[in-house]
PDB file of N, CA and C in Angstrom:
ATOM      1  N   MET A   1      15.706  27.550  10.088  1.00  0.00           N
ATOM      2  CA  MET A   1      15.608  28.509   9.024  1.00  0.00           C
ATOM      3  C   MET A   1      15.488  29.903   9.635  1.00  0.00           C
ATOM      4  N   LYS A   2      16.160  30.840   9.014  1.00  0.00           N
ATOM      5  CA  LYS A   2      16.121  32.217   9.505  1.00  0.00           C
ATOM      6  C   LYS A   2      14.743  32.836   9.276  1.00  0.00           C
ATOM      7  N   PRO A   3      14.335  33.767  10.147  1.00  0.00           N
ATOM      8  CA  PRO A   3      13.073  34.479   9.895  1.00  0.00           C
ATOM      9  C   PRO A   3      13.110  35.153   8.524  1.00  0.00           C
ATOM     10  N   ASP A   4      12.011  35.121   7.824  1.00  0.00           N
ATOM     11  CA  ASP A   4      11.875  35.646   6.468  1.00  0.00           C
ATOM     12  C   ASP A   4      12.694  34.870   5.449  1.00  0.00           C
ATOM     13  N   GLY A   5      13.188  33.690   5.845  1.00  0.00           N
ATOM     14  CA  GLY A   5      13.921  32.841   4.907  1.00  0.00           C
ATOM     15  C   GLY A   5      12.962  32.102   3.989  1.00  0.00           C
ATOM     16  N   TYR A   6      13.447  31.732   2.813  1.00  0.00           N
ATOM     17  CA  TYR A   6      12.640  31.021   1.827  1.00  0.00           C
ATOM     18  C   TYR A   6      13.047  29.561   1.763  1.00  0.00           C
ATOM     19  N   PHE A   7      12.084  28.738   1.397  1.00  0.00           N
ATOM     20  CA  PHE A   7      12.293  27.308   1.229  1.00  0.00           C
ATOM     21  C   PHE A   7      11.560  26.911  -0.044  1.00  0.00           C
ATOM     22  N   VAL A   8      12.164  26.050  -0.857  1.00  0.00           N
ATOM     23  CA  VAL A   8      11.544  25.630  -2.116  1.00  0.00           C
ATOM     24  C   VAL A   8      11.265  24.136  -2.061  1.00  0.00           C
ATOM     25  N   ILE A   9      10.048  23.789  -2.417  1.00  0.00           N
ATOM     26  CA  ILE A   9       9.644  22.386  -2.532  1.00  0.00           C
ATOM     27  C   ILE A   9       9.423  22.111  -4.018  1.00  0.00           C
ATOM     28  N   ASP A  10      10.111  21.119  -4.542  1.00  0.00           N
ATOM     29  CA  ASP A  10       9.956  20.694  -5.932  1.00  0.00           C
ATOM     30  C   ASP A  10       9.553  19.237  -5.893  1.00  0.00           C
ATOM     31  N   TYR A  11       8.330  18.952  -6.324  1.00  0.00           N
ATOM     32  CA  TYR A  11       7.783  17.618  -6.139  1.00  0.00           C
ATOM     33  C   TYR A  11       6.943  17.231  -7.344  1.00  0.00           C
ATOM     34  N   PHE A  12       6.656  15.939  -7.454  1.00  0.00           N
ATOM     35  CA  PHE A  12       5.741  15.456  -8.484  1.00  0.00           C
ATOM     36  C   PHE A  12       4.364  16.088  -8.297  1.00  0.00           C
ATOM     37  N   ASN A  13       3.640  16.239  -9.373  1.00  0.00           N
ATOM     38  CA  ASN A  13       2.210  16.511  -9.280  1.00  0.00           C
ATOM     39  C   ASN A  13       1.540  15.145  -9.331  1.00  0.00           C
ATOM     40  N   LYS A  14       1.096  14.674  -8.181  1.00  0.00           N
ATOM     41  CA  LYS A  14       0.522  13.334  -8.060  1.00  0.00           C
ATOM     42  C   LYS A  14      -0.598  13.097  -9.062  1.00  0.00           C
ATOM     43  N   ASP A  15      -1.528  14.041  -9.192  1.00  0.00           N
ATOM     44  CA  ASP A  15      -2.674  13.858 -10.081  1.00  0.00           C
ATOM     45  C   ASP A  15      -2.233  13.697 -11.538  1.00  0.00           C
ATOM     46  N   PHE A  16      -1.294  14.523 -11.980  1.00  0.00           N
ATOM     47  CA  PHE A  16      -0.784  14.432 -13.343  1.00  0.00           C
ATOM     48  C   PHE A  16      -0.031  13.116 -13.548  1.00  0.00           C
ATOM     49  N   LEU A  17       0.809  12.757 -12.588  1.00  0.00           N
ATOM     50  CA  LEU A  17       1.621  11.545 -12.695  1.00  0.00           C
ATOM     51  C   LEU A  17       0.757  10.294 -12.808  1.00  0.00           C
ATOM     52  N   MET A  18      -0.294  10.220 -12.017  1.00  0.00           N
ATOM     53  CA  MET A  18      -1.132   9.024 -12.029  1.00  0.00           C
ATOM     54  C   MET A  18      -1.850   8.840 -13.376  1.00  0.00           C
ATOM     55  N   LYS A  19      -2.123   9.933 -14.073  1.00  0.00           N
ATOM     56  CA  LYS A  19      -2.802   9.852 -15.376  1.00  0.00           C
ATOM     57  C   LYS A  19      -1.827   9.718 -16.538  1.00  0.00           C
ATOM     58  N   ASN A  20      -0.563  10.070 -16.323  1.00  0.00           N
ATOM     59  CA  ASN A  20       0.404  10.132 -17.427  1.00  0.00           C
ATOM     60  C   ASN A  20       1.660   9.300 -17.194  1.00  0.00           C
ATOM     61  N   LEU A  21       1.593   8.334 -16.309  1.00  0.00           N
ATOM     62  CA  LEU A  21       2.759   7.509 -16.002  1.00  0.00           C
ATOM     63  C   LEU A  21       3.250   6.781 -17.251  1.00  0.00           C
ATOM     64  N   VAL A  22       4.529   6.891 -17.516  1.00  0.00           N
ATOM     65  CA  VAL A  22       5.162   6.143 -18.610  1.00  0.00           C
ATOM     66  C   VAL A  22       5.753   4.894 -17.966  1.00  0.00           C
ATOM     67  N   PRO A  23       5.160   3.714 -18.227  1.00  0.00           N
ATOM     68  CA  PRO A  23       5.585   2.503 -17.511  1.00  0.00           C
ATOM     69  C   PRO A  23       7.037   2.095 -17.769  1.00  0.00           C
ATOM     70  N   THR A  24       7.515   2.280 -19.009  1.00  0.00           N
ATOM     71  CA  THR A  24       8.873   1.829 -19.335  1.00  0.00           C
ATOM     72  C   THR A  24       9.526   2.800 -20.303  1.00  0.00           C
ATOM     73  N   THR A  25      10.791   3.107 -20.038  1.00  0.00           N
ATOM     74  CA  THR A  25      11.623   3.818 -21.002  1.00  0.00           C
ATOM     75  C   THR A  25      12.930   3.059 -21.139  1.00  0.00           C
ATOM     76  N   VAL A  26      13.445   3.045 -22.351  1.00  0.00           N
ATOM     77  CA  VAL A  26      14.721   2.398 -22.642  1.00  0.00           C
ATOM     78  C   VAL A  26      15.535   3.377 -23.469  1.00  0.00           C
ATOM     79  N   PHE A  27      16.783   3.611 -23.047  1.00  0.00           N
ATOM     80  CA  PHE A  27      17.652   4.502 -23.802  1.00  0.00           C
ATOM     81  C   PHE A  27      19.104   4.101 -23.583  1.00  0.00           C
ATOM     82  N   SER A  28      19.979   4.618 -24.427  1.00  0.00           N
ATOM     83  CA  SER A  28      21.411   4.359 -24.320  1.00  0.00           C
ATOM     84  C   SER A  28      22.127   5.646 -23.967  1.00  0.00           C
ATOM     85  N   GLU A  29      23.130   5.501 -23.118  1.00  0.00           N
ATOM     86  CA  GLU A  29      23.938   6.648 -22.722  1.00  0.00           C
ATOM     87  C   GLU A  29      25.342   6.152 -22.384  1.00  0.00           C
ATOM     88  N   ASN A  30      26.337   6.752 -23.015  1.00  0.00           N
ATOM     89  CA  ASN A  30      27.743   6.386 -22.794  1.00  0.00           C
ATOM     90  C   ASN A  30      27.978   4.885 -22.949  1.00  0.00           C
ATOM     91  N   GLY A  31      27.332   4.274 -23.952  1.00  0.00           N
ATOM     92  CA  GLY A  31      27.522   2.855 -24.222  1.00  0.00           C
ATOM     93  C   GLY A  31      26.747   1.929 -23.296  1.00  0.00           C
ATOM     94  N   LEU A  32      25.924   2.464 -22.421  1.00  0.00           N
ATOM     95  CA  LEU A  32      25.126   1.668 -21.502  1.00  0.00           C
ATOM     96  C   LEU A  32      23.678   1.659 -21.958  1.00  0.00           C
ATOM     97  N   LYS A  33      23.011   0.525 -21.802  1.00  0.00           N
ATOM     98  CA  LYS A  33      21.570   0.456 -22.053  1.00  0.00           C
ATOM     99  C   LYS A  33      20.874   0.617 -20.705  1.00  0.00           C
ATOM    100  N   ILE A  34      19.981   1.587 -20.625  1.00  0.00           N
ATOM    101  CA  ILE A  34      19.296   1.884 -19.365  1.00  0.00           C
ATOM    102  C   ILE A  34      17.800   1.678 -19.563  1.00  0.00           C
ATOM    103  N   THR A  35      17.240   0.813 -18.743  1.00  0.00           N
ATOM    104  CA  THR A  35      15.808   0.534 -18.760  1.00  0.00           C
ATOM    105  C   THR A  35      15.223   1.001 -17.437  1.00  0.00           C
ATOM    106  N   GLN A  36      14.146   1.765 -17.526  1.00  0.00           N
ATOM    107  CA  GLN A  36      13.454   2.220 -16.315  1.00  0.00           C
ATOM    108  C   GLN A  36      12.017   1.720 -16.366  1.00  0.00           C
ATOM    109  N   ASN A  37      11.633   0.940 -15.366  1.00  0.00           N
ATOM    110  CA  ASN A  37      10.268   0.435 -15.237  1.00  0.00           C
ATOM    111  C   ASN A  37       9.607   1.142 -14.063  1.00  0.00           C
ATOM    112  N   ARG A  38       8.420   1.706 -14.303  1.00  0.00           N
ATOM    113  CA  ARG A  38       7.718   2.465 -13.267  1.00  0.00           C
ATOM    114  C   ARG A  38       6.336   1.883 -13.025  1.00  0.00           C
ATOM    115  N   SER A  39       5.918   1.932 -11.766  1.00  0.00           N
ATOM    116  CA  SER A  39       4.559   1.515 -11.423  1.00  0.00           C
ATOM    117  C   SER A  39       4.118   2.274 -10.185  1.00  0.00           C
ATOM    118  N   ILE A  40       2.809   2.351 -10.016  1.00  0.00           N
ATOM    119  CA  ILE A  40       2.252   2.946  -8.813  1.00  0.00           C
ATOM    120  C   ILE A  40       1.683   1.815  -7.983  1.00  0.00           C
ATOM    121  N   GLU A  41       2.149   1.726  -6.758  1.00  0.00           N
ATOM    122  CA  GLU A  41       1.695   0.691  -5.838  1.00  0.00           C
ATOM    123  C   GLU A  41       1.177   1.380  -4.586  1.00  0.00           C
ATOM    124  N   GLY A  42      -0.140   1.417  -4.468  1.00  0.00           N
ATOM    125  CA  GLY A  42      -0.740   2.110  -3.334  1.00  0.00           C
ATOM    126  C   GLY A  42      -0.464   3.597  -3.418  1.00  0.00           C
ATOM    127  N   ILE A  43       0.248   4.130  -2.421  1.00  0.00           N
ATOM    128  CA  ILE A  43       0.552   5.566  -2.379  1.00  0.00           C
ATOM    129  C   ILE A  43       2.019   5.839  -2.730  1.00  0.00           C
ATOM    130  N   ARG A  44       2.649   4.901  -3.420  1.00  0.00           N
ATOM    131  CA  ARG A  44       4.055   5.060  -3.774  1.00  0.00           C
ATOM    132  C   ARG A  44       4.255   4.874  -5.278  1.00  0.00           C
ATOM    133  N   ILE A  45       5.230   5.588  -5.822  1.00  0.00           N
ATOM    134  CA  ILE A  45       5.685   5.321  -7.188  1.00  0.00           C
ATOM    135  C   ILE A  45       6.983   4.539  -7.047  1.00  0.00           C
ATOM    136  N   ILE A  46       7.039   3.425  -7.743  1.00  0.00           N
ATOM    137  CA  ILE A  46       8.190   2.522  -7.679  1.00  0.00           C
ATOM    138  C   ILE A  46       8.894   2.573  -9.029  1.00  0.00           C
ATOM    139  N   LYS A  47      10.208   2.728  -8.989  1.00  0.00           N
ATOM    140  CA  LYS A  47      10.983   2.725 -10.232  1.00  0.00           C
ATOM    141  C   LYS A  47      12.121   1.726 -10.097  1.00  0.00           C
ATOM    142  N   GLU A  48      12.199   0.823 -11.063  1.00  0.00           N
ATOM    143  CA  GLU A  48      13.303  -0.123 -11.171  1.00  0.00           C
ATOM    144  C   GLU A  48      14.184   0.359 -12.318  1.00  0.00           C
ATOM    145  N   ILE A  49      15.464   0.493 -12.050  1.00  0.00           N
ATOM    146  CA  ILE A  49      16.417   0.941 -13.062  1.00  0.00           C
ATOM    147  C   ILE A  49      17.391  -0.201 -13.317  1.00  0.00           C
ATOM    148  N   ILE A  50      17.492  -0.605 -14.577  1.00  0.00           N
ATOM    149  CA  ILE A  50      18.419  -1.671 -14.967  1.00  0.00           C
ATOM    150  C   ILE A  50      19.446  -1.064 -15.911  1.00  0.00           C
ATOM    151  N   ILE A  51      20.707  -1.186 -15.547  1.00  0.00           N
ATOM    152  CA  ILE A  51      21.794  -0.679 -16.378  1.00  0.00           C
ATOM    153  C   ILE A  51      22.574  -1.873 -16.911  1.00  0.00           C
ATOM    154  N   GLU A  52      22.572  -2.010 -18.243  1.00  0.00           N
ATOM    155  CA  GLU A  52      23.280  -3.109 -18.898  1.00  0.00           C
ATOM    156  C   GLU A  52      24.610  -2.598 -19.432  1.00  0.00           C
ATOM    157  N   ASN A  53      25.677  -3.286 -19.052  1.00  0.00           N
ATOM    158  CA  ASN A  53      27.026  -2.899 -19.448  1.00  0.00           C
ATOM    159  C   ASN A  53      27.811  -4.150 -19.798  1.00  0.00           C
ATOM    160  N   ASN A  54      28.002  -4.388 -21.109  1.00  0.00           N
ATOM    161  CA  ASN A  54      28.771  -5.542 -21.583  1.00  0.00           C
ATOM    162  C   ASN A  54      28.302  -6.850 -20.969  1.00  0.00           C
ATOM    163  N   GLY A  55      26.994  -7.091 -20.988  1.00  0.00           N
ATOM    164  CA  GLY A  55      26.435  -8.340 -20.488  1.00  0.00           C
ATOM    165  C   GLY A  55      26.257  -8.405 -18.983  1.00  0.00           C
ATOM    166  N   HIS A  56      26.665  -7.382 -18.287  1.00  0.00           N
ATOM    167  CA  HIS A  56      26.499  -7.333 -16.822  1.00  0.00           C
ATOM    168  C   HIS A  56      25.387  -6.334 -16.489  1.00  0.00           C
ATOM    169  N   ASN A  57      24.465  -6.749 -15.645  1.00  0.00           N
ATOM    170  CA  ASN A  57      23.347  -5.882 -15.262  1.00  0.00           C
ATOM    171  C   ASN A  57      23.480  -5.414 -13.820  1.00  0.00           C
ATOM    172  N   GLU A  58      23.160  -4.160 -13.620  1.00  0.00           N
ATOM    173  CA  GLU A  58      23.030  -3.612 -12.272  1.00  0.00           C
ATOM    174  C   GLU A  58      21.599  -3.132 -12.128  1.00  0.00           C
ATOM    175  N   GLN A  59      21.004  -3.382 -10.970  1.00  0.00           N
ATOM    176  CA  GLN A  59      19.626  -2.971 -10.718  1.00  0.00           C
ATOM    177  C   GLN A  59      19.576  -2.035  -9.526  1.00  0.00           C
ATOM    178  N   PHE A  60      18.740  -1.025  -9.664  1.00  0.00           N
ATOM    179  CA  PHE A  60      18.504  -0.059  -8.591  1.00  0.00           C
ATOM    180  C   PHE A  60      17.001   0.137  -8.463  1.00  0.00           C
ATOM    181  N   TYR A  61      16.572   0.491  -7.263  1.00  0.00           N
ATOM    182  CA  TYR A  61      15.157   0.717  -7.017  1.00  0.00           C
ATOM    183  C   TYR A  61      14.950   2.053  -6.322  1.00  0.00           C
ATOM    184  N   GLU A  62      13.886   2.715  -6.706  1.00  0.00           N
ATOM    185  CA  GLU A  62      13.458   3.934  -6.028  1.00  0.00           C
ATOM    186  C   GLU A  62      12.014   3.720  -5.600  1.00  0.00           C
ATOM    187  N   SER A  63      11.683   4.248  -4.441  1.00  0.00           N
ATOM    188  CA  SER A  63      10.315   4.203  -3.950  1.00  0.00           C
ATOM    189  C   SER A  63      10.035   5.550  -3.307  1.00  0.00           C
ATOM    190  N   VAL A  64       9.073   6.286  -3.878  1.00  0.00           N
ATOM    191  CA  VAL A  64       8.786   7.633  -3.412  1.00  0.00           C
ATOM    192  C   VAL A  64       7.306   7.729  -3.055  1.00  0.00           C
ATOM    193  N   ARG A  65       7.027   8.261  -1.887  1.00  0.00           N
ATOM    194  CA  ARG A  65       5.649   8.464  -1.423  1.00  0.00           C
ATOM    195  C   ARG A  65       5.003   9.576  -2.244  1.00  0.00           C
ATOM    196  N   LEU A  66       3.803   9.335  -2.724  1.00  0.00           N
ATOM    197  CA  LEU A  66       3.058  10.335  -3.478  1.00  0.00           C
ATOM    198  C   LEU A  66       2.157  11.111  -2.525  1.00  0.00           C
ATOM    199  N   PHE A  67       2.324  12.428  -2.515  1.00  0.00           N
ATOM    200  CA  PHE A  67       1.485  13.307  -1.710  1.00  0.00           C
ATOM    201  C   PHE A  67       0.615  14.133  -2.638  1.00  0.00           C
ATOM    202  N   SER A  68      -0.627  14.329  -2.256  1.00  0.00           N
ATOM    203  CA  SER A  68      -1.514  15.185  -3.033  1.00  0.00           C
ATOM    204  C   SER A  68      -1.188  16.650  -2.742  1.00  0.00           C
ATOM    205  N   TYR A  69      -1.690  17.505  -3.583  1.00  0.00           N
ATOM    206  CA  TYR A  69      -1.538  18.948  -3.400  1.00  0.00           C
ATOM    207  C   TYR A  69      -2.079  19.362  -2.031  1.00  0.00           C
ATOM    208  N   GLU A  70      -3.235  18.847  -1.681  1.00  0.00           N
ATOM    209  CA  GLU A  70      -3.862  19.189  -0.402  1.00  0.00           C
ATOM    210  C   GLU A  70      -2.998  18.740   0.782  1.00  0.00           C
ATOM    211  N   GLU A  71      -2.407  17.551   0.685  1.00  0.00           N
ATOM    212  CA  GLU A  71      -1.535  17.065   1.769  1.00  0.00           C
ATOM    213  C   GLU A  71      -0.316  17.961   1.937  1.00  0.00           C
ATOM    214  N   ILE A  72       0.297  18.349   0.823  1.00  0.00           N
ATOM    215  CA  ILE A  72       1.477  19.210   0.892  1.00  0.00           C
ATOM    216  C   ILE A  72       1.116  20.567   1.489  1.00  0.00           C
ATOM    217  N   LEU A  73      -0.024  21.130   1.080  1.00  0.00           N
ATOM    218  CA  LEU A  73      -0.463  22.404   1.671  1.00  0.00           C
ATOM    219  C   LEU A  73      -0.686  22.268   3.171  1.00  0.00           C
ATOM    220  N   PHE A  74      -1.250  21.164   3.603  1.00  0.00           N
ATOM    221  CA  PHE A  74      -1.473  20.923   5.031  1.00  0.00           C
ATOM    222  C   PHE A  74      -0.151  20.945   5.791  1.00  0.00           C
ATOM    223  N   PHE A  75       0.860  20.238   5.272  1.00  0.00           N
ATOM    224  CA  PHE A  75       2.170  20.177   5.938  1.00  0.00           C
ATOM    225  C   PHE A  75       2.848  21.545   5.957  1.00  0.00           C
ATOM    226  N   ILE A  76       2.701  22.297   4.872  1.00  0.00           N
ATOM    227  CA  ILE A  76       3.291  23.639   4.805  1.00  0.00           C
ATOM    228  C   ILE A  76       2.698  24.529   5.895  1.00  0.00           C
ATOM    229  N   LYS A  77       1.387  24.535   5.990  1.00  0.00           N
ATOM    230  CA  LYS A  77       0.714  25.373   6.985  1.00  0.00           C
ATOM    231  C   LYS A  77       0.998  24.897   8.404  1.00  0.00           C
ATOM    232  N   LYS A  78       1.021  23.574   8.604  1.00  0.00           N
ATOM    233  CA  LYS A  78       1.295  23.006   9.926  1.00  0.00           C
ATOM    234  C   LYS A  78       2.688  23.399  10.414  1.00  0.00           C
ATOM    235  N   ALA A  79       3.630  23.521   9.481  1.00  0.00           N
ATOM    236  CA  ALA A  79       5.004  23.892   9.836  1.00  0.00           C
ATOM    237  C   ALA A  79       5.172  25.396  10.009  1.00  0.00           C
ATOM    238  N   GLY A  80       4.100  26.159   9.786  1.00  0.00           N
ATOM    239  CA  GLY A  80       4.158  27.598   9.991  1.00  0.00           C
ATOM    240  C   GLY A  80       4.667  28.391   8.807  1.00  0.00           C
ATOM    241  N   PHE A  81       4.648  27.792   7.628  1.00  0.00           N
ATOM    242  CA  PHE A  81       5.094  28.478   6.420  1.00  0.00           C
ATOM    243  C   PHE A  81       3.912  29.109   5.694  1.00  0.00           C
ATOM    244  N   THR A  82       4.217  30.095   4.872  1.00  0.00           N
ATOM    245  CA  THR A  82       3.237  30.738   4.004  1.00  0.00           C
ATOM    246  C   THR A  82       3.719  30.594   2.568  1.00  0.00           C
ATOM    247  N   ILE A  83       2.799  30.267   1.674  1.00  0.00           N
ATOM    248  CA  ILE A  83       3.173  30.133   0.265  1.00  0.00           C
ATOM    249  C   ILE A  83       3.421  31.515  -0.318  1.00  0.00           C
ATOM    250  N   PHE A  84       4.592  31.662  -0.946  1.00  0.00           N
ATOM    251  CA  PHE A  84       4.986  32.908  -1.599  1.00  0.00           C
ATOM    252  C   PHE A  84       4.655  32.854  -3.087  1.00  0.00           C
ATOM    253  N   LYS A  85       5.032  31.742  -3.733  1.00  0.00           N
ATOM    254  CA  LYS A  85       4.754  31.522  -5.158  1.00  0.00           C
ATOM    255  C   LYS A  85       4.650  30.028  -5.387  1.00  0.00           C
ATOM    256  N   GLN A  86       3.958  29.660  -6.458  1.00  0.00           N
ATOM    257  CA  GLN A  86       3.931  28.252  -6.856  1.00  0.00           C
ATOM    258  C   GLN A  86       3.871  28.142  -8.371  1.00  0.00           C
ATOM    259  N   TYR A  87       4.493  27.094  -8.873  1.00  0.00           N
ATOM    260  CA  TYR A  87       4.580  26.882 -10.315  1.00  0.00           C
ATOM    261  C   TYR A  87       4.283  25.420 -10.622  1.00  0.00           C
ATOM    262  N   GLY A  88       3.972  25.161 -11.888  1.00  0.00           N
ATOM    263  CA  GLY A  88       3.651  23.812 -12.320  1.00  0.00           C
ATOM    264  C   GLY A  88       4.716  23.154 -13.165  1.00  0.00           C
ATOM    265  N   ASP A  89       5.813  23.876 -13.422  1.00  0.00           N
ATOM    266  CA  ASP A  89       6.917  23.311 -14.202  1.00  0.00           C
ATOM    267  C   ASP A  89       8.159  24.187 -14.012  1.00  0.00           C
ATOM    268  N   TYR A  90       9.238  23.807 -14.671  1.00  0.00           N
ATOM    269  CA  TYR A  90      10.504  24.539 -14.541  1.00  0.00           C
ATOM    270  C   TYR A  90      10.554  25.800 -15.403  1.00  0.00           C
ATOM    271  N   PHE A  91       9.486  26.081 -16.132  1.00  0.00           N
ATOM    272  CA  PHE A  91       9.436  27.266 -16.984  1.00  0.00           C
ATOM    273  C   PHE A  91       8.641  28.408 -16.339  1.00  0.00           C
ATOM    274  N   GLY A  92       8.167  28.207 -15.121  1.00  0.00           N
ATOM    275  CA  GLY A  92       7.449  29.249 -14.402  1.00  0.00           C
ATOM    276  C   GLY A  92       5.974  29.339 -14.730  1.00  0.00           C
ATOM    277  N   ASN A  93       5.436  28.307 -15.380  1.00  0.00           N
ATOM    278  CA  ASN A  93       4.000  28.301 -15.670  1.00  0.00           C
ATOM    279  C   ASN A  93       3.194  28.044 -14.403  1.00  0.00           C
ATOM    280  N   ASP A  94       1.973  28.545 -14.384  1.00  0.00           N
ATOM    281  CA  ASP A  94       1.086  28.353 -13.237  1.00  0.00           C
ATOM    282  C   ASP A  94       0.866  26.869 -12.965  1.00  0.00           C
ATOM    283  N   TYR A  95       0.633  26.556 -11.703  1.00  0.00           N
ATOM    284  CA  TYR A  95       0.296  25.192 -11.320  1.00  0.00           C
ATOM    285  C   TYR A  95      -1.173  24.938 -11.640  1.00  0.00           C
ATOM    286  N   VAL A  96      -1.426  23.902 -12.439  1.00  0.00           N
ATOM    287  CA  VAL A  96      -2.777  23.460 -12.767  1.00  0.00           C
ATOM    288  C   VAL A  96      -2.821  21.969 -12.451  1.00  0.00           C
ATOM    289  N   ILE A  97      -3.680  21.581 -11.525  1.00  0.00           N
ATOM    290  CA  ILE A  97      -3.668  20.216 -11.001  1.00  0.00           C
ATOM    291  C   ILE A  97      -3.785  19.151 -12.092  1.00  0.00           C
ATOM    292  N   GLU A  98      -4.542  19.409 -13.145  1.00  0.00           N
ATOM    293  CA  GLU A  98      -4.753  18.394 -14.184  1.00  0.00           C
ATOM    294  C   GLU A  98      -3.613  18.302 -15.188  1.00  0.00           C
ATOM    295  N   THR A  99      -2.851  19.392 -15.382  1.00  0.00           N
ATOM    296  CA  THR A  99      -1.901  19.413 -16.502  1.00  0.00           C
ATOM    297  C   THR A  99      -0.446  19.710 -16.137  1.00  0.00           C
ATOM    298  N   SER A 100      -0.179  20.101 -14.914  1.00  0.00           N
ATOM    299  CA  SER A 100       1.199  20.460 -14.540  1.00  0.00           C
ATOM    300  C   SER A 100       1.991  19.220 -14.140  1.00  0.00           C
ATOM    301  N   PRO A 101       3.167  19.025 -14.719  1.00  0.00           N
ATOM    302  CA  PRO A 101       3.963  17.848 -14.356  1.00  0.00           C
ATOM    303  C   PRO A 101       4.617  17.953 -12.980  1.00  0.00           C
ATOM    304  N   ARG A 102       4.860  19.167 -12.493  1.00  0.00           N
ATOM    305  CA  ARG A 102       5.541  19.367 -11.213  1.00  0.00           C
ATOM    306  C   ARG A 102       4.681  20.222 -10.294  1.00  0.00           C
ATOM    307  N   LEU A 103       5.056  20.238  -9.048  1.00  0.00           N
ATOM    308  CA  LEU A 103       4.503  21.168  -8.070  1.00  0.00           C
ATOM    309  C   LEU A 103       5.700  21.826  -7.399  1.00  0.00           C
ATOM    310  N   ILE A 104       5.944  23.068  -7.757  1.00  0.00           N
ATOM    311  CA  ILE A 104       7.091  23.818  -7.227  1.00  0.00           C
ATOM    312  C   ILE A 104       6.537  24.956  -6.388  1.00  0.00           C
ATOM    313  N   ILE A 105       6.832  24.904  -5.093  1.00  0.00           N
ATOM    314  CA  ILE A 105       6.282  25.889  -4.162  1.00  0.00           C
ATOM    315  C   ILE A 105       7.404  26.612  -3.443  1.00  0.00           C
ATOM    316  N   PHE A 106       7.342  27.933  -3.470  1.00  0.00           N
ATOM    317  CA  PHE A 106       8.249  28.782  -2.684  1.00  0.00           C
ATOM    318  C   PHE A 106       7.473  29.182  -1.429  1.00  0.00           C
ATOM    319  N   VAL A 107       8.041  28.884  -0.273  1.00  0.00           N
ATOM    320  CA  VAL A 107       7.385  29.242   0.994  1.00  0.00           C
ATOM    321  C   VAL A 107       8.322  30.138   1.800  1.00  0.00           C
ATOM    322  N   VAL A 108       7.714  30.898   2.715  1.00  0.00           N
ATOM    323  CA  VAL A 108       8.467  31.788   3.580  1.00  0.00           C
ATOM    324  C   VAL A 108       8.001  31.541   5.015  1.00  0.00           C
ATOM    325  N   LYS A 109       8.921  31.692   5.956  1.00  0.00           N
ATOM    326  CA  LYS A 109       8.600  31.471   7.368  1.00  0.00           C
ATOM    327  C   LYS A 109       8.255  32.787   8.010  1.00  0.00           C
TER     328      LYS A 109
END
């Protein structure tokens, strides 16, 4: 990264996610039935995606490590970055650990 360059981190807010996890969603899109099952297993969020298409099912899995706000700040500082701005959602609202769905951090080197 160039000196004075910016880097953006857009990540889950672990604390909010753990309290507000939606275990299952089902919806239709372009004639497909899509089911998403979510669970937290240890320090990971696991998502199973099932796509039903004319009696044929396809399954996909996602597994993402959950980092706390403090852990992310530690990694940012360890890498030599400085926080420029941070937000709690895509609308530019302040980050509040209990209520923000996202953690969006702008850092500079």
